[in-house]
Amino acid sequence: MEIKKAAMAGTLESSDAQVTVEPGENGIDLSIESSVIHQFGRQIRATVLETLNRLQVTDAKVTVVDKGALDCTLKARVECAVYRSNGITENLPWGGVIK
């Protein structure tokens, strides 16, 4: 899926994450800011990249500001931002439906 315009999902509240996607070139440019980056940085990165892969996003600039979000929250925020960037608002294939 192509990132057509900048879009954001999530908040900066505790236990959440704010994910911003923008059109990009030459792969995924992922930036992560988190107070727990040393403990969970690899897992956050893997979760975001796995979700983008499932959505078939190949070129994007992605910024994650993590406030202690669980993996399921990260996945939902990435999915939502990608869908918003494409103007998709109906019949969303949330969660495990995406292959």
PDB file of N, CA and C in Angstrom:
ATOM      1  N   MET A   1       0.848  -1.172   0.000  1.00  0.00           N
ATOM      2  CA  MET A   1       0.000   0.000   0.000  1.00  0.00           C
ATOM      3  C   MET A   1       0.894   1.236   0.000  1.00  0.00           C
ATOM      4  N   GLU A   2       0.534   2.194  -0.783  1.00  0.00           N
ATOM      5  CA  GLU A   2       1.307   3.425  -0.886  1.00  0.00           C
ATOM      6  C   GLU A   2       0.847   4.433   0.171  1.00  0.00           C
ATOM      7  N   ILE A   3       1.782   5.164   0.736  1.00  0.00           N
ATOM      8  CA  ILE A   3       1.451   6.250   1.649  1.00  0.00           C
ATOM      9  C   ILE A   3       1.225   7.478   0.777  1.00  0.00           C
ATOM     10  N   LYS A   4      -0.028   7.931   0.708  1.00  0.00           N
ATOM     11  CA  LYS A   4      -0.369   9.020  -0.206  1.00  0.00           C
ATOM     12  C   LYS A   4      -0.204  10.403   0.411  1.00  0.00           C
ATOM     13  N   LYS A   5      -0.460  10.523   1.709  1.00  0.00           N
ATOM     14  CA  LYS A   5      -0.321  11.813   2.389  1.00  0.00           C
ATOM     15  C   LYS A   5       0.030  11.563   3.843  1.00  0.00           C
ATOM     16  N   ALA A   6       0.507  12.579   4.520  1.00  0.00           N
ATOM     17  CA  ALA A   6       0.861  12.440   5.932  1.00  0.00           C
ATOM     18  C   ALA A   6      -0.404  12.171   6.751  1.00  0.00           C
ATOM     19  N   ALA A   7      -0.266  11.284   7.726  1.00  0.00           N
ATOM     20  CA  ALA A   7      -1.386  10.959   8.605  1.00  0.00           C
ATOM     21  C   ALA A   7      -0.845  10.533   9.958  1.00  0.00           C
ATOM     22  N   MET A   8      -1.690  10.687  10.985  1.00  0.00           N
ATOM     23  CA  MET A   8      -1.285  10.389  12.351  1.00  0.00           C
ATOM     24  C   MET A   8      -2.377   9.590  13.047  1.00  0.00           C
ATOM     25  N   ALA A   9      -1.952   8.749  13.990  1.00  0.00           N
ATOM     26  CA  ALA A   9      -2.891   8.010  14.832  1.00  0.00           C
ATOM     27  C   ALA A   9      -2.286   7.884  16.218  1.00  0.00           C
ATOM     28  N   GLY A  10      -3.138   7.896  17.236  1.00  0.00           N
ATOM     29  CA  GLY A  10      -2.683   7.727  18.602  1.00  0.00           C
ATOM     30  C   GLY A  10      -2.541   9.037  19.345  1.00  0.00           C
ATOM     31  N   THR A  11      -2.153   8.904  20.616  1.00  0.00           N
ATOM     32  CA  THR A  11      -1.999  10.068  21.486  1.00  0.00           C
ATOM     33  C   THR A  11      -0.661   9.985  22.209  1.00  0.00           C
ATOM     34  N   LEU A  12      -0.397  10.997  22.999  1.00  0.00           N
ATOM     35  CA  LEU A  12       0.814  11.009  23.816  1.00  0.00           C
ATOM     36  C   LEU A  12       0.489  10.678  25.270  1.00  0.00           C
ATOM     37  N   GLU A  13      -0.643  10.028  25.478  1.00  0.00           N
ATOM     38  CA  GLU A  13      -1.042   9.601  26.814  1.00  0.00           C
ATOM     39  C   GLU A  13      -0.216   8.387  27.238  1.00  0.00           C
ATOM     40  N   SER A  14      -0.170   8.136  28.521  1.00  0.00           N
ATOM     41  CA  SER A  14       0.521   6.970  29.051  1.00  0.00           C
ATOM     42  C   SER A  14      -0.082   5.695  28.468  1.00  0.00           C
ATOM     43  N   SER A  15       0.747   4.726  28.152  1.00  0.00           N
ATOM     44  CA  SER A  15       0.357   3.429  27.587  1.00  0.00           C
ATOM     45  C   SER A  15      -0.173   3.522  26.162  1.00  0.00           C
ATOM     46  N   ASP A  16       0.153   4.573  25.462  1.00  0.00           N
ATOM     47  CA  ASP A  16      -0.262   4.741  24.071  1.00  0.00           C
ATOM     48  C   ASP A  16       0.974   5.067  23.234  1.00  0.00           C
ATOM     49  N   ALA A  17       0.761   5.267  21.953  1.00  0.00           N
ATOM     50  CA  ALA A  17       1.831   5.678  21.048  1.00  0.00           C
ATOM     51  C   ALA A  17       1.226   6.561  19.979  1.00  0.00           C
ATOM     52  N   GLN A  18       1.989   7.537  19.536  1.00  0.00           N
ATOM     53  CA  GLN A  18       1.562   8.385  18.434  1.00  0.00           C
ATOM     54  C   GLN A  18       2.407   8.000  17.222  1.00  0.00           C
ATOM     55  N   VAL A  19       1.730   7.566  16.173  1.00  0.00           N
ATOM     56  CA  VAL A  19       2.408   7.109  14.966  1.00  0.00           C
ATOM     57  C   VAL A  19       2.070   8.070  13.825  1.00  0.00           C
ATOM     58  N   THR A  20       3.099   8.552  13.154  1.00  0.00           N
ATOM     59  CA  THR A  20       2.930   9.428  12.002  1.00  0.00           C
ATOM     60  C   THR A  20       3.557   8.747  10.792  1.00  0.00           C
ATOM     61  N   VAL A  21       2.814   8.708   9.682  1.00  0.00           N
ATOM     62  CA  VAL A  21       3.353   8.176   8.433  1.00  0.00           C
ATOM     63  C   VAL A  21       3.331   9.285   7.391  1.00  0.00           C
ATOM     64  N   GLU A  22       4.361   9.310   6.572  1.00  0.00           N
ATOM     65  CA  GLU A  22       4.478  10.284   5.492  1.00  0.00           C
ATOM     66  C   GLU A  22       5.024   9.564   4.267  1.00  0.00           C
ATOM     67  N   PRO A  23       4.730  10.100   3.078  1.00  0.00           N
ATOM     68  CA  PRO A  23       5.309   9.483   1.882  1.00  0.00           C
ATOM     69  C   PRO A  23       6.837   9.471   1.989  1.00  0.00           C
ATOM     70  N   GLY A  24       7.426   8.418   1.497  1.00  0.00           N
ATOM     71  CA  GLY A  24       8.879   8.293   1.557  1.00  0.00           C
ATOM     72  C   GLY A  24       9.435   7.698   0.286  1.00  0.00           C
ATOM     73  N   GLU A  25      10.737   7.602   0.247  1.00  0.00           N
ATOM     74  CA  GLU A  25      11.435   7.029  -0.903  1.00  0.00           C
ATOM     75  C   GLU A  25      12.484   6.043  -0.402  1.00  0.00           C
ATOM     76  N   ASN A  26      12.772   5.055  -1.200  1.00  0.00           N
ATOM     77  CA  ASN A  26      13.851   4.110  -0.918  1.00  0.00           C
ATOM     78  C   ASN A  26      13.686   3.374   0.401  1.00  0.00           C
ATOM     79  N   GLY A  27      12.522   2.792   0.637  1.00  0.00           N
ATOM     80  CA  GLY A  27      12.329   1.959   1.812  1.00  0.00           C
ATOM     81  C   GLY A  27      11.646   2.661   2.964  1.00  0.00           C
ATOM     82  N   ILE A  28      11.754   2.041   4.123  1.00  0.00           N
ATOM     83  CA  ILE A  28      11.132   2.549   5.335  1.00  0.00           C
ATOM     84  C   ILE A  28      12.169   3.316   6.151  1.00  0.00           C
ATOM     85  N   ASP A  29      11.857   4.570   6.442  1.00  0.00           N
ATOM     86  CA  ASP A  29      12.691   5.404   7.317  1.00  0.00           C
ATOM     87  C   ASP A  29      11.950   5.479   8.649  1.00  0.00           C
ATOM     88  N   LEU A  30      12.384   4.701   9.631  1.00  0.00           N
ATOM     89  CA  LEU A  30      11.683   4.574  10.906  1.00  0.00           C
ATOM     90  C   LEU A  30      12.436   5.294  12.014  1.00  0.00           C
ATOM     91  N   SER A  31      11.725   6.187  12.707  1.00  0.00           N
ATOM     92  CA  SER A  31      12.275   6.910  13.844  1.00  0.00           C
ATOM     93  C   SER A  31      11.419   6.588  15.070  1.00  0.00           C
ATOM     94  N   ILE A  32      12.082   6.176  16.158  1.00  0.00           N
ATOM     95  CA  ILE A  32      11.362   5.801  17.377  1.00  0.00           C
ATOM     96  C   ILE A  32      11.879   6.637  18.539  1.00  0.00           C
ATOM     97  N   GLU A  33      10.945   7.221  19.276  1.00  0.00           N
ATOM     98  CA  GLU A  33      11.256   7.936  20.508  1.00  0.00           C
ATOM     99  C   GLU A  33      10.473   7.252  21.620  1.00  0.00           C
ATOM    100  N   SER A  34      11.171   6.804  22.652  1.00  0.00           N
ATOM    101  CA  SER A  34      10.506   6.090  23.736  1.00  0.00           C
ATOM    102  C   SER A  34      11.336   6.186  25.006  1.00  0.00           C
ATOM    103  N   SER A  35      10.635   6.295  26.124  1.00  0.00           N
ATOM    104  CA  SER A  35      11.339   6.315  27.409  1.00  0.00           C
ATOM    105  C   SER A  35      11.867   4.923  27.770  1.00  0.00           C
ATOM    106  N   VAL A  36      11.375   3.907  27.076  1.00  0.00           N
ATOM    107  CA  VAL A  36      11.814   2.528  27.342  1.00  0.00           C
ATOM    108  C   VAL A  36      12.552   1.946  26.136  1.00  0.00           C
ATOM    109  N   ILE A  37      13.193   2.819  25.369  1.00  0.00           N
ATOM    110  CA  ILE A  37      13.874   2.388  24.144  1.00  0.00           C
ATOM    111  C   ILE A  37      14.966   1.362  24.424  1.00  0.00           C
ATOM    112  N   HIS A  38      15.655   1.491  25.563  1.00  0.00           N
ATOM    113  CA  HIS A  38      16.744   0.556  25.862  1.00  0.00           C
ATOM    114  C   HIS A  38      16.221  -0.845  26.199  1.00  0.00           C
ATOM    115  N   GLN A  39      15.053  -0.918  26.818  1.00  0.00           N
ATOM    116  CA  GLN A  39      14.495  -2.220  27.165  1.00  0.00           C
ATOM    117  C   GLN A  39      13.696  -2.835  26.012  1.00  0.00           C
ATOM    118  N   PHE A  40      12.926  -1.999  25.293  1.00  0.00           N
ATOM    119  CA  PHE A  40      11.967  -2.532  24.328  1.00  0.00           C
ATOM    120  C   PHE A  40      12.131  -1.985  22.915  1.00  0.00           C
ATOM    121  N   GLY A  41      13.201  -1.282  22.641  1.00  0.00           N
ATOM    122  CA  GLY A  41      13.398  -0.683  21.325  1.00  0.00           C
ATOM    123  C   GLY A  41      13.356  -1.674  20.181  1.00  0.00           C
ATOM    124  N   ARG A  42      14.001  -2.820  20.351  1.00  0.00           N
ATOM    125  CA  ARG A  42      14.007  -3.838  19.286  1.00  0.00           C
ATOM    126  C   ARG A  42      12.614  -4.378  19.031  1.00  0.00           C
ATOM    127  N   GLN A  43      11.855  -4.598  20.106  1.00  0.00           N
ATOM    128  CA  GLN A  43      10.500  -5.125  19.965  1.00  0.00           C
ATOM    129  C   GLN A  43       9.571  -4.097  19.310  1.00  0.00           C
ATOM    130  N   ILE A  44       9.703  -2.841  19.687  1.00  0.00           N
ATOM    131  CA  ILE A  44       8.889  -1.776  19.080  1.00  0.00           C
ATOM    132  C   ILE A  44       9.182  -1.716  17.585  1.00  0.00           C
ATOM    133  N   ARG A  45      10.460  -1.701  17.251  1.00  0.00           N
ATOM    134  CA  ARG A  45      10.879  -1.655  15.845  1.00  0.00           C
ATOM    135  C   ARG A  45      10.336  -2.853  15.067  1.00  0.00           C
ATOM    136  N   ALA A  46      10.476  -4.036  15.623  1.00  0.00           N
ATOM    137  CA  ALA A  46      10.005  -5.253  14.949  1.00  0.00           C
ATOM    138  C   ALA A  46       8.491  -5.223  14.735  1.00  0.00           C
ATOM    139  N   THR A  47       7.751  -4.770  15.734  1.00  0.00           N
ATOM    140  CA  THR A  47       6.290  -4.717  15.633  1.00  0.00           C
ATOM    141  C   THR A  47       5.850  -3.739  14.545  1.00  0.00           C
ATOM    142  N   VAL A  48       6.456  -2.565  14.523  1.00  0.00           N
ATOM    143  CA  VAL A  48       6.100  -1.557  13.524  1.00  0.00           C
ATOM    144  C   VAL A  48       6.447  -2.054  12.123  1.00  0.00           C
ATOM    145  N   LEU A  49       7.641  -2.591  11.940  1.00  0.00           N
ATOM    146  CA  LEU A  49       8.061  -3.069  10.622  1.00  0.00           C
ATOM    147  C   LEU A  49       7.223  -4.256  10.157  1.00  0.00           C
ATOM    148  N   GLU A  50       6.868  -5.156  11.065  1.00  0.00           N
ATOM    149  CA  GLU A  50       6.016  -6.295  10.724  1.00  0.00           C
ATOM    150  C   GLU A  50       4.640  -5.822  10.258  1.00  0.00           C
ATOM    151  N   THR A  51       4.090  -4.842  10.937  1.00  0.00           N
ATOM    152  CA  THR A  51       2.769  -4.319  10.572  1.00  0.00           C
ATOM    153  C   THR A  51       2.826  -3.622   9.215  1.00  0.00           C
ATOM    154  N   LEU A  52       3.856  -2.829   8.980  1.00  0.00           N
ATOM    155  CA  LEU A  52       4.011  -2.185   7.680  1.00  0.00           C
ATOM    156  C   LEU A  52       4.170  -3.219   6.571  1.00  0.00           C
ATOM    157  N   ASN A  53       4.899  -4.280   6.856  1.00  0.00           N
ATOM    158  CA  ASN A  53       5.090  -5.355   5.891  1.00  0.00           C
ATOM    159  C   ASN A  53       3.760  -6.031   5.550  1.00  0.00           C
ATOM    160  N   ARG A  54       2.952  -6.326   6.582  1.00  0.00           N
ATOM    161  CA  ARG A  54       1.637  -6.938   6.339  1.00  0.00           C
ATOM    162  C   ARG A  54       0.736  -6.044   5.499  1.00  0.00           C
ATOM    163  N   LEU A  55       0.898  -4.727   5.668  1.00  0.00           N
ATOM    164  CA  LEU A  55       0.107  -3.769   4.898  1.00  0.00           C
ATOM    165  C   LEU A  55       0.732  -3.485   3.529  1.00  0.00           C
ATOM    166  N   GLN A  56       1.854  -4.111   3.249  1.00  0.00           N
ATOM    167  CA  GLN A  56       2.592  -3.968   1.992  1.00  0.00           C
ATOM    168  C   GLN A  56       3.043  -2.527   1.751  1.00  0.00           C
ATOM    169  N   VAL A  57       3.450  -1.864   2.820  1.00  0.00           N
ATOM    170  CA  VAL A  57       4.020  -0.520   2.717  1.00  0.00           C
ATOM    171  C   VAL A  57       5.519  -0.693   2.513  1.00  0.00           C
ATOM    172  N   THR A  58       6.025  -0.170   1.413  1.00  0.00           N
ATOM    173  CA  THR A  58       7.444  -0.353   1.103  1.00  0.00           C
ATOM    174  C   THR A  58       8.252   0.941   1.183  1.00  0.00           C
ATOM    175  N   ASP A  59       7.603   2.075   0.989  1.00  0.00           N
ATOM    176  CA  ASP A  59       8.290   3.359   1.030  1.00  0.00           C
ATOM    177  C   ASP A  59       7.517   4.318   1.922  1.00  0.00           C
ATOM    178  N   ALA A  60       8.129   4.709   3.050  1.00  0.00           N
ATOM    179  CA  ALA A  60       7.449   5.621   3.970  1.00  0.00           C
ATOM    180  C   ALA A  60       8.426   6.168   4.996  1.00  0.00           C
ATOM    181  N   LYS A  61       8.101   7.341   5.497  1.00  0.00           N
ATOM    182  CA  LYS A  61       8.792   7.882   6.656  1.00  0.00           C
ATOM    183  C   LYS A  61       7.828   7.689   7.823  1.00  0.00           C
ATOM    184  N   VAL A  62       8.267   6.957   8.834  1.00  0.00           N
ATOM    185  CA  VAL A  62       7.404   6.615   9.964  1.00  0.00           C
ATOM    186  C   VAL A  62       8.055   7.106  11.253  1.00  0.00           C
ATOM    187  N   THR A  63       7.278   7.832  12.045  1.00  0.00           N
ATOM    188  CA  THR A  63       7.749   8.328  13.334  1.00  0.00           C
ATOM    189  C   THR A  63       6.848   7.766  14.424  1.00  0.00           C
ATOM    190  N   VAL A  64       7.459   7.160  15.430  1.00  0.00           N
ATOM    191  CA  VAL A  64       6.721   6.600  16.562  1.00  0.00           C
ATOM    192  C   VAL A  64       7.189   7.300  17.835  1.00  0.00           C
ATOM    193  N   VAL A  65       6.234   7.875  18.554  1.00  0.00           N
ATOM    194  CA  VAL A  65       6.513   8.428  19.879  1.00  0.00           C
ATOM    195  C   VAL A  65       5.771   7.515  20.851  1.00  0.00           C
ATOM    196  N   ASP A  66       6.522   6.655  21.505  1.00  0.00           N
ATOM    197  CA  ASP A  66       5.956   5.621  22.370  1.00  0.00           C
ATOM    198  C   ASP A  66       5.896   6.078  23.821  1.00  0.00           C
ATOM    199  N   LYS A  67       4.774   5.821  24.441  1.00  0.00           N
ATOM    200  CA  LYS A  67       4.585   6.133  25.862  1.00  0.00           C
ATOM    201  C   LYS A  67       4.248   4.864  26.646  1.00  0.00           C
ATOM    202  N   GLY A  68       4.873   3.754  26.254  1.00  0.00           N
ATOM    203  CA  GLY A  68       4.667   2.490  26.956  1.00  0.00           C
ATOM    204  C   GLY A  68       3.552   1.648  26.369  1.00  0.00           C
ATOM    205  N   ALA A  69       3.308   1.777  25.068  1.00  0.00           N
ATOM    206  CA  ALA A  69       2.231   1.039  24.407  1.00  0.00           C
ATOM    207  C   ALA A  69       2.561  -0.445  24.279  1.00  0.00           C
ATOM    208  N   LEU A  70       1.540  -1.268  24.392  1.00  0.00           N
ATOM    209  CA  LEU A  70       1.672  -2.701  24.134  1.00  0.00           C
ATOM    210  C   LEU A  70       1.759  -2.934  22.628  1.00  0.00           C
ATOM    211  N   ASP A  71       2.209  -4.129  22.233  1.00  0.00           N
ATOM    212  CA  ASP A  71       2.327  -4.460  20.813  1.00  0.00           C
ATOM    213  C   ASP A  71       1.010  -4.284  20.068  1.00  0.00           C
ATOM    214  N   CYS A  72      -0.097  -4.721  20.677  1.00  0.00           N
ATOM    215  CA  CYS A  72      -1.396  -4.620  20.006  1.00  0.00           C
ATOM    216  C   CYS A  72      -1.769  -3.162  19.744  1.00  0.00           C
ATOM    217  N   THR A  73      -1.390  -2.281  20.649  1.00  0.00           N
ATOM    218  CA  THR A  73      -1.660  -0.856  20.464  1.00  0.00           C
ATOM    219  C   THR A  73      -0.796  -0.292  19.345  1.00  0.00           C
ATOM    220  N   LEU A  74       0.473  -0.664  19.318  1.00  0.00           N
ATOM    221  CA  LEU A  74       1.361  -0.218  18.237  1.00  0.00           C
ATOM    222  C   LEU A  74       0.828  -0.651  16.881  1.00  0.00           C
ATOM    223  N   LYS A  75       0.405  -1.915  16.776  1.00  0.00           N
ATOM    224  CA  LYS A  75      -0.137  -2.423  15.512  1.00  0.00           C
ATOM    225  C   LYS A  75      -1.356  -1.626  15.087  1.00  0.00           C
ATOM    226  N   ALA A  76      -2.267  -1.379  16.027  1.00  0.00           N
ATOM    227  CA  ALA A  76      -3.487  -0.632  15.708  1.00  0.00           C
ATOM    228  C   ALA A  76      -3.171   0.790  15.265  1.00  0.00           C
ATOM    229  N   ARG A  77      -2.217   1.434  15.913  1.00  0.00           N
ATOM    230  CA  ARG A  77      -1.853   2.807  15.555  1.00  0.00           C
ATOM    231  C   ARG A  77      -1.209   2.866  14.168  1.00  0.00           C
ATOM    232  N   VAL A  78      -0.353   1.911  13.854  1.00  0.00           N
ATOM    233  CA  VAL A  78       0.277   1.882  12.528  1.00  0.00           C
ATOM    234  C   VAL A  78      -0.785   1.638  11.458  1.00  0.00           C
ATOM    235  N   GLU A  79      -1.653   0.657  11.676  1.00  0.00           N
ATOM    236  CA  GLU A  79      -2.725   0.369  10.717  1.00  0.00           C
ATOM    237  C   GLU A  79      -3.580   1.608  10.480  1.00  0.00           C
ATOM    238  N   CYS A  80      -4.009   2.246  11.559  1.00  0.00           N
ATOM    239  CA  CYS A  80      -4.877   3.414  11.456  1.00  0.00           C
ATOM    240  C   CYS A  80      -4.205   4.539  10.682  1.00  0.00           C
ATOM    241  N   ALA A  81      -2.948   4.831  10.972  1.00  0.00           N
ATOM    242  CA  ALA A  81      -2.234   5.900  10.270  1.00  0.00           C
ATOM    243  C   ALA A  81      -2.117   5.598   8.778  1.00  0.00           C
ATOM    244  N   VAL A  82      -1.816   4.349   8.437  1.00  0.00           N
ATOM    245  CA  VAL A  82      -1.696   3.970   7.022  1.00  0.00           C
ATOM    246  C   VAL A  82      -3.046   4.112   6.316  1.00  0.00           C
ATOM    247  N   TYR A  83      -4.109   3.634   6.944  1.00  0.00           N
ATOM    248  CA  TYR A  83      -5.438   3.766   6.341  1.00  0.00           C
ATOM    249  C   TYR A  83      -5.822   5.231   6.177  1.00  0.00           C
ATOM    250  N   ARG A  84      -5.557   6.044   7.188  1.00  0.00           N
ATOM    251  CA  ARG A  84      -5.868   7.470   7.093  1.00  0.00           C
ATOM    252  C   ARG A  84      -5.100   8.134   5.955  1.00  0.00           C
ATOM    253  N   SER A  85      -3.852   7.723   5.751  1.00  0.00           N
ATOM    254  CA  SER A  85      -3.039   8.324   4.690  1.00  0.00           C
ATOM    255  C   SER A  85      -3.614   8.033   3.307  1.00  0.00           C
ATOM    256  N   ASN A  86      -4.426   6.988   3.224  1.00  0.00           N
ATOM    257  CA  ASN A  86      -5.044   6.604   1.956  1.00  0.00           C
ATOM    258  C   ASN A  86      -6.516   6.980   1.883  1.00  0.00           C
ATOM    259  N   GLY A  87      -7.025   7.636   2.917  1.00  0.00           N
ATOM    260  CA  GLY A  87      -8.426   8.036   2.924  1.00  0.00           C
ATOM    261  C   GLY A  87      -9.399   6.877   3.064  1.00  0.00           C
ATOM    262  N   ILE A  88      -8.921   5.737   3.571  1.00  0.00           N
ATOM    263  CA  ILE A  88      -9.783   4.565   3.750  1.00  0.00           C
ATOM    264  C   ILE A  88     -10.508   4.695   5.085  1.00  0.00           C
ATOM    265  N   THR A  89     -11.836   4.767   5.026  1.00  0.00           N
ATOM    266  CA  THR A  89     -12.615   4.954   6.251  1.00  0.00           C
ATOM    267  C   THR A  89     -13.712   3.918   6.441  1.00  0.00           C
ATOM    268  N   GLU A  90     -13.967   3.088   5.442  1.00  0.00           N
ATOM    269  CA  GLU A  90     -15.037   2.099   5.549  1.00  0.00           C
ATOM    270  C   GLU A  90     -14.502   0.705   5.241  1.00  0.00           C
ATOM    271  N   ASN A  91     -15.174  -0.308   5.812  1.00  0.00           N
ATOM    272  CA  ASN A  91     -14.826  -1.718   5.588  1.00  0.00           C
ATOM    273  C   ASN A  91     -13.349  -1.992   5.853  1.00  0.00           C
ATOM    274  N   LEU A  92     -12.881  -1.516   6.983  1.00  0.00           N
ATOM    275  CA  LEU A  92     -11.474  -1.667   7.337  1.00  0.00           C
ATOM    276  C   LEU A  92     -11.169  -3.099   7.779  1.00  0.00           C
ATOM    277  N   PRO A  93     -10.137  -3.699   7.234  1.00  0.00           N
ATOM    278  CA  PRO A  93      -9.745  -5.054   7.631  1.00  0.00           C
ATOM    279  C   PRO A  93      -8.817  -5.038   8.833  1.00  0.00           C
ATOM    280  N   TRP A  94      -9.337  -4.679  10.005  1.00  0.00           N
ATOM    281  CA  TRP A  94      -8.523  -4.525  11.206  1.00  0.00           C
ATOM    282  C   TRP A  94      -7.889  -5.827  11.659  1.00  0.00           C
ATOM    283  N   GLY A  95      -6.771  -5.701  12.299  1.00  0.00           N
ATOM    284  CA  GLY A  95      -6.135  -6.806  13.015  1.00  0.00           C
ATOM    285  C   GLY A  95      -5.686  -7.954  12.154  1.00  0.00           C
ATOM    286  N   GLY A  96      -6.037  -9.174  12.581  1.00  0.00           N
ATOM    287  CA  GLY A  96      -5.565 -10.389  11.945  1.00  0.00           C
ATOM    288  C   GLY A  96      -6.094 -10.640  10.559  1.00  0.00           C
ATOM    289  N   VAL A  97      -7.059  -9.857  10.090  1.00  0.00           N
ATOM    290  CA  VAL A  97      -7.624 -10.054   8.775  1.00  0.00           C
ATOM    291  C   VAL A  97      -6.607  -9.732   7.685  1.00  0.00           C
ATOM    292  N   ILE A  98      -5.700  -8.801   7.974  1.00  0.00           N
ATOM    293  CA  ILE A  98      -4.710  -8.367   6.994  1.00  0.00           C
ATOM    294  C   ILE A  98      -3.681  -9.457   6.779  1.00  0.00           C
ATOM    295  N   LYS A  99      -3.453  -9.815   5.553  1.00  0.00           N
ATOM    296  CA  LYS A  99      -2.455 -10.826   5.217  1.00  0.00           C
ATOM    297  C   LYS A  99      -1.380 -10.226   4.352  1.00  0.00           C
TER     298      LYS A  99
END
